[in-house]
Amino acid sequence: MKMFMYFTPCIRSTRRLAKATGLSLGLAMAANGVTDPAKITSQPSDVSAEAGSATSLAGGNQYVSVPIDVPETECTVEFWFRTEDPNAGLFCVVDANLGGGGHDRHLHLTGGNIRVRTYSGPGVEVSEGLNLADGKWHHIAHVISYELGGQFVYVDGELVIEGVKDMSDFDWQQHINIGFSNDAVNQYLNGQID
């Protein structure tokens, strides 16, 4: 099973965000010249026709690992997901898989809200009043930008988090883990991600 990923430069306007939402799992592999880097750590279940090419993960020990050195700033991570788990892990940047050697830039649900943690200092932010564990598709875009002066999280095109952390201090990453976050109550995603 192939999973295509793309890196997008930092999103600087809502108009550009709307245009970018057509990308799947918005991490850019092409920028690093990697053509087929994704490694699925255990066989995900088949995806229904309704879900198209999304990857279905059943929680447990299922996640996707991609070797990549993600920039510490001027970067946007974006993807679509759906789950009914209000505390699901979605994404993180790691040294070794599952956070061995260090982990950062976490995106996960907590009580149905989106939580982001960017190492270190004032990098933890949580949205309010959302229910992203409703079984419907949601688009997440996490922007980290020194130039824009902070980190921003958009859900379905709406700004839901605005924080002052403008770069990560974690610079020894070697992979991303998709469908997993060390910081989540339920670290593995039980749902679909695209």
Protein backbone atom coordinates (compact mmCIF):
# COMPACT_ATOMS: atom_id res chain seq x y z
CA MET A 1 0.00 0.00 0.00
CA LYS A 2 1.45 3.37 -0.98
CA MET A 3 0.76 6.54 0.95
CA PHE A 4 1.64 9.77 -0.81
CA MET A 5 2.71 12.70 1.30
CA TYR A 6 3.48 16.29 0.43
CA PHE A 7 5.27 19.15 2.14
CA THR A 8 3.66 22.52 1.82
CA PRO A 9 5.35 25.80 2.60
CA CYS A 10 3.93 27.70 5.51
CA ILE A 11 0.31 28.71 4.91
CA ARG A 12 0.11 32.48 5.15
CA SER A 13 -3.53 33.17 4.34
CA THR A 14 -6.92 31.51 4.62
CA ARG A 15 -7.24 31.64 0.84
CA ARG A 16 -4.04 29.63 0.51
CA LEU A 17 -5.27 27.29 3.25
CA ALA A 18 -8.42 26.60 1.24
CA LYS A 19 -6.33 25.84 -1.83
CA ALA A 20 -4.02 23.58 0.18
CA THR A 21 -6.85 21.43 1.54
CA GLY A 22 -6.85 19.46 -1.69
CA LEU A 23 -3.57 17.80 -0.65
CA SER A 24 -3.48 14.48 1.15
CA LEU A 25 -1.52 14.26 4.37
CA GLY A 26 0.16 17.57 3.75
CA LEU A 27 3.74 16.66 4.58
CA ALA A 28 6.15 17.19 1.79
CA MET A 29 8.18 14.24 0.74
CA ALA A 30 8.94 15.53 -2.73
CA ALA A 31 11.11 18.28 -1.26
CA ASN A 32 13.47 15.62 0.07
CA GLY A 33 13.45 13.56 -3.13
CA VAL A 34 11.85 10.58 -1.35
CA THR A 35 9.53 8.74 -3.69
CA ASP A 36 8.04 5.94 -1.57
CA PRO A 37 9.14 6.37 2.04
CA ALA A 38 6.04 5.30 3.95
CA LYS A 39 6.24 2.19 6.07
CA ILE A 40 3.04 0.86 7.54
CA THR A 41 4.00 -0.84 10.77
CA SER A 42 1.16 -3.37 10.71
CA GLN A 43 -1.39 -4.09 8.03
CA PRO A 44 -4.27 -1.58 8.28
CA SER A 45 -7.74 -2.83 7.50
CA ASP A 46 -9.20 -2.35 4.04
CA VAL A 47 -10.63 1.06 3.33
CA SER A 48 -14.24 1.29 2.21
CA ALA A 49 -15.20 2.92 -1.08
CA GLU A 50 -16.63 5.84 0.92
CA ALA A 51 -13.20 6.59 2.37
CA GLY A 52 -11.38 6.51 -0.96
CA SER A 53 -7.65 6.17 -0.45
CA ALA A 54 -7.60 6.91 3.30
CA THR A 55 -5.65 4.63 5.60
CA SER A 56 -7.74 2.83 8.20
CA LEU A 57 -6.07 2.20 11.54
CA ALA A 58 -7.66 0.08 14.27
CA GLY A 59 -5.75 1.44 17.25
CA GLY A 60 -3.54 -1.12 18.93
CA ASN A 61 -0.07 -1.05 17.44
CA GLN A 62 -0.97 0.34 14.01
CA TYR A 63 0.67 3.52 12.75
CA VAL A 64 2.55 4.76 9.70
CA SER A 65 6.24 5.71 9.87
CA VAL A 66 7.90 7.97 7.32
CA PRO A 67 11.63 8.79 7.40
CA ILE A 68 11.95 12.56 6.99
CA ASP A 69 13.68 15.53 8.57
CA VAL A 70 10.82 17.98 9.16
CA PRO A 71 11.76 21.68 9.36
CA GLU A 72 11.61 23.28 12.81
CA THR A 73 9.86 26.42 11.49
CA GLU A 74 8.19 27.75 8.33
CA CYS A 75 6.32 24.49 7.96
CA THR A 76 2.71 23.35 7.67
CA VAL A 77 1.54 19.84 8.50
CA GLU A 78 -1.94 19.04 7.28
CA PHE A 79 -4.15 16.01 6.92
CA TRP A 80 -7.73 14.74 7.01
CA PHE A 81 -8.92 12.34 9.71
CA ARG A 82 -12.03 10.85 11.22
CA THR A 83 -12.52 9.00 14.47
CA GLU A 84 -14.98 8.50 17.30
CA ASP A 85 -12.19 8.41 19.91
CA PRO A 86 -12.10 11.76 21.77
CA ASN A 87 -8.52 11.09 22.96
CA ALA A 88 -6.87 9.72 19.81
CA GLY A 89 -3.24 10.19 18.76
CA LEU A 90 -2.91 11.66 15.27
CA PHE A 91 0.64 12.75 14.44
CA CYS A 92 4.11 13.37 15.85
CA VAL A 93 7.70 13.98 14.79
CA VAL A 94 10.18 11.52 16.35
CA ASP A 95 13.83 10.55 16.49
CA ALA A 96 13.12 6.80 16.49
CA ASN A 97 9.66 5.34 15.96
CA LEU A 98 7.19 5.72 18.80
CA GLY A 99 9.28 8.48 20.33
CA GLY A 100 12.47 6.63 21.21
CA GLY A 101 15.21 9.27 21.47
CA GLY A 102 12.72 12.13 21.58
CA HIS A 103 9.39 13.29 20.14
CA ASP A 104 7.73 16.59 19.27
CA ARG A 105 5.12 18.48 17.25
CA HIS A 106 2.28 16.36 18.53
CA LEU A 107 -1.25 16.62 17.21
CA HIS A 108 -3.85 14.61 19.10
CA LEU A 109 -7.35 14.82 20.49
CA THR A 110 -8.14 15.46 24.13
CA GLY A 111 -11.81 15.40 25.07
CA GLY A 112 -12.66 15.89 21.39
CA ASN A 113 -10.53 19.06 21.09
CA ILE A 114 -7.25 19.29 19.20
CA ARG A 115 -4.08 19.63 21.26
CA VAL A 116 -0.67 20.60 19.89
CA ARG A 117 2.69 20.41 21.63
CA THR A 118 5.78 21.98 20.10
CA TYR A 119 9.00 21.56 22.10
CA SER A 120 9.84 23.52 24.32
CA GLY A 121 8.52 26.32 26.50
CA PRO A 122 5.13 27.84 25.61
CA GLY A 123 4.38 25.28 22.90
CA VAL A 124 1.31 23.52 24.38
CA GLU A 125 -2.08 24.70 23.14
CA VAL A 126 -5.60 23.17 23.21
CA SER A 127 -8.70 24.22 21.29
CA GLU A 128 -11.99 24.79 23.08
CA GLY A 129 -15.57 23.77 22.38
CA LEU A 130 -14.89 21.29 19.56
CA ASN A 131 -16.05 17.72 19.07
CA LEU A 132 -13.65 16.29 16.50
CA ALA A 133 -14.49 12.72 17.56
CA ASP A 134 -17.87 12.72 15.83
CA GLY A 135 -17.02 10.18 13.12
CA LYS A 136 -16.98 12.88 10.44
CA TRP A 137 -14.02 13.93 8.28
CA HIS A 138 -12.03 16.88 9.63
CA HIS A 139 -9.10 18.74 8.10
CA ILE A 140 -6.22 19.82 10.36
CA ALA A 141 -3.47 22.26 9.39
CA HIS A 142 -0.71 23.04 11.93
CA VAL A 143 1.44 26.02 10.96
CA ILE A 144 4.73 26.84 12.72
CA SER A 145 6.29 30.08 11.57
CA TYR A 146 8.92 32.44 12.92
CA GLU A 147 7.96 34.86 10.17
CA LEU A 148 4.28 34.83 11.24
CA GLY A 149 5.19 34.92 14.94
CA GLY A 150 3.76 31.69 16.28
CA GLN A 151 1.97 28.43 15.72
CA PHE A 152 -1.55 28.20 14.37
CA VAL A 153 -3.97 25.30 14.09
CA TYR A 154 -6.83 25.36 11.62
CA VAL A 155 -9.69 22.86 11.79
CA ASP A 156 -11.91 22.64 8.73
CA GLY A 157 -10.52 26.00 7.58
CA GLU A 158 -11.19 27.86 10.85
CA LEU A 159 -8.42 29.12 13.13
CA VAL A 160 -8.89 27.32 16.47
CA ILE A 161 -5.46 27.75 18.10
CA GLU A 162 -3.07 30.67 18.01
CA GLY A 163 0.10 30.38 20.09
CA VAL A 164 3.40 32.21 20.45
CA LYS A 165 5.74 29.25 19.88
CA ASP A 166 7.25 29.99 16.46
CA MET A 167 9.75 27.14 16.09
CA SER A 168 10.56 23.76 17.54
CA ASP A 169 13.69 23.23 19.61
CA PHE A 170 13.62 19.52 18.68
CA ASP A 171 16.03 19.31 15.73
CA TRP A 172 17.20 15.69 15.74
CA GLN A 173 14.04 14.15 14.29
CA GLN A 174 14.34 11.38 11.72
CA HIS A 175 10.74 10.22 11.22
CA ILE A 176 7.11 11.17 11.48
CA ASN A 177 4.56 8.82 12.99
CA ILE A 178 1.07 9.09 11.53
CA GLY A 179 -1.85 7.77 13.55
CA PHE A 180 0.20 7.98 16.76
CA SER A 181 1.11 10.52 19.45
CA ASN A 182 3.04 9.86 22.67
CA ASP A 183 1.07 12.65 24.34
CA ALA A 184 -2.41 11.24 23.66
CA VAL A 185 -4.38 9.26 26.24
CA ASN A 186 -5.01 6.71 23.46
CA GLN A 187 -1.71 6.94 21.61
CA TYR A 188 -2.83 5.04 18.49
CA LEU A 189 -5.58 6.28 16.19
CA ASN A 190 -8.68 4.15 15.86
CA GLY A 191 -10.09 5.71 12.71
CA GLN A 192 -9.03 6.87 9.27
CA ILE A 193 -6.42 9.34 8.12
CA ASP A 194 -5.61 10.76 4.69
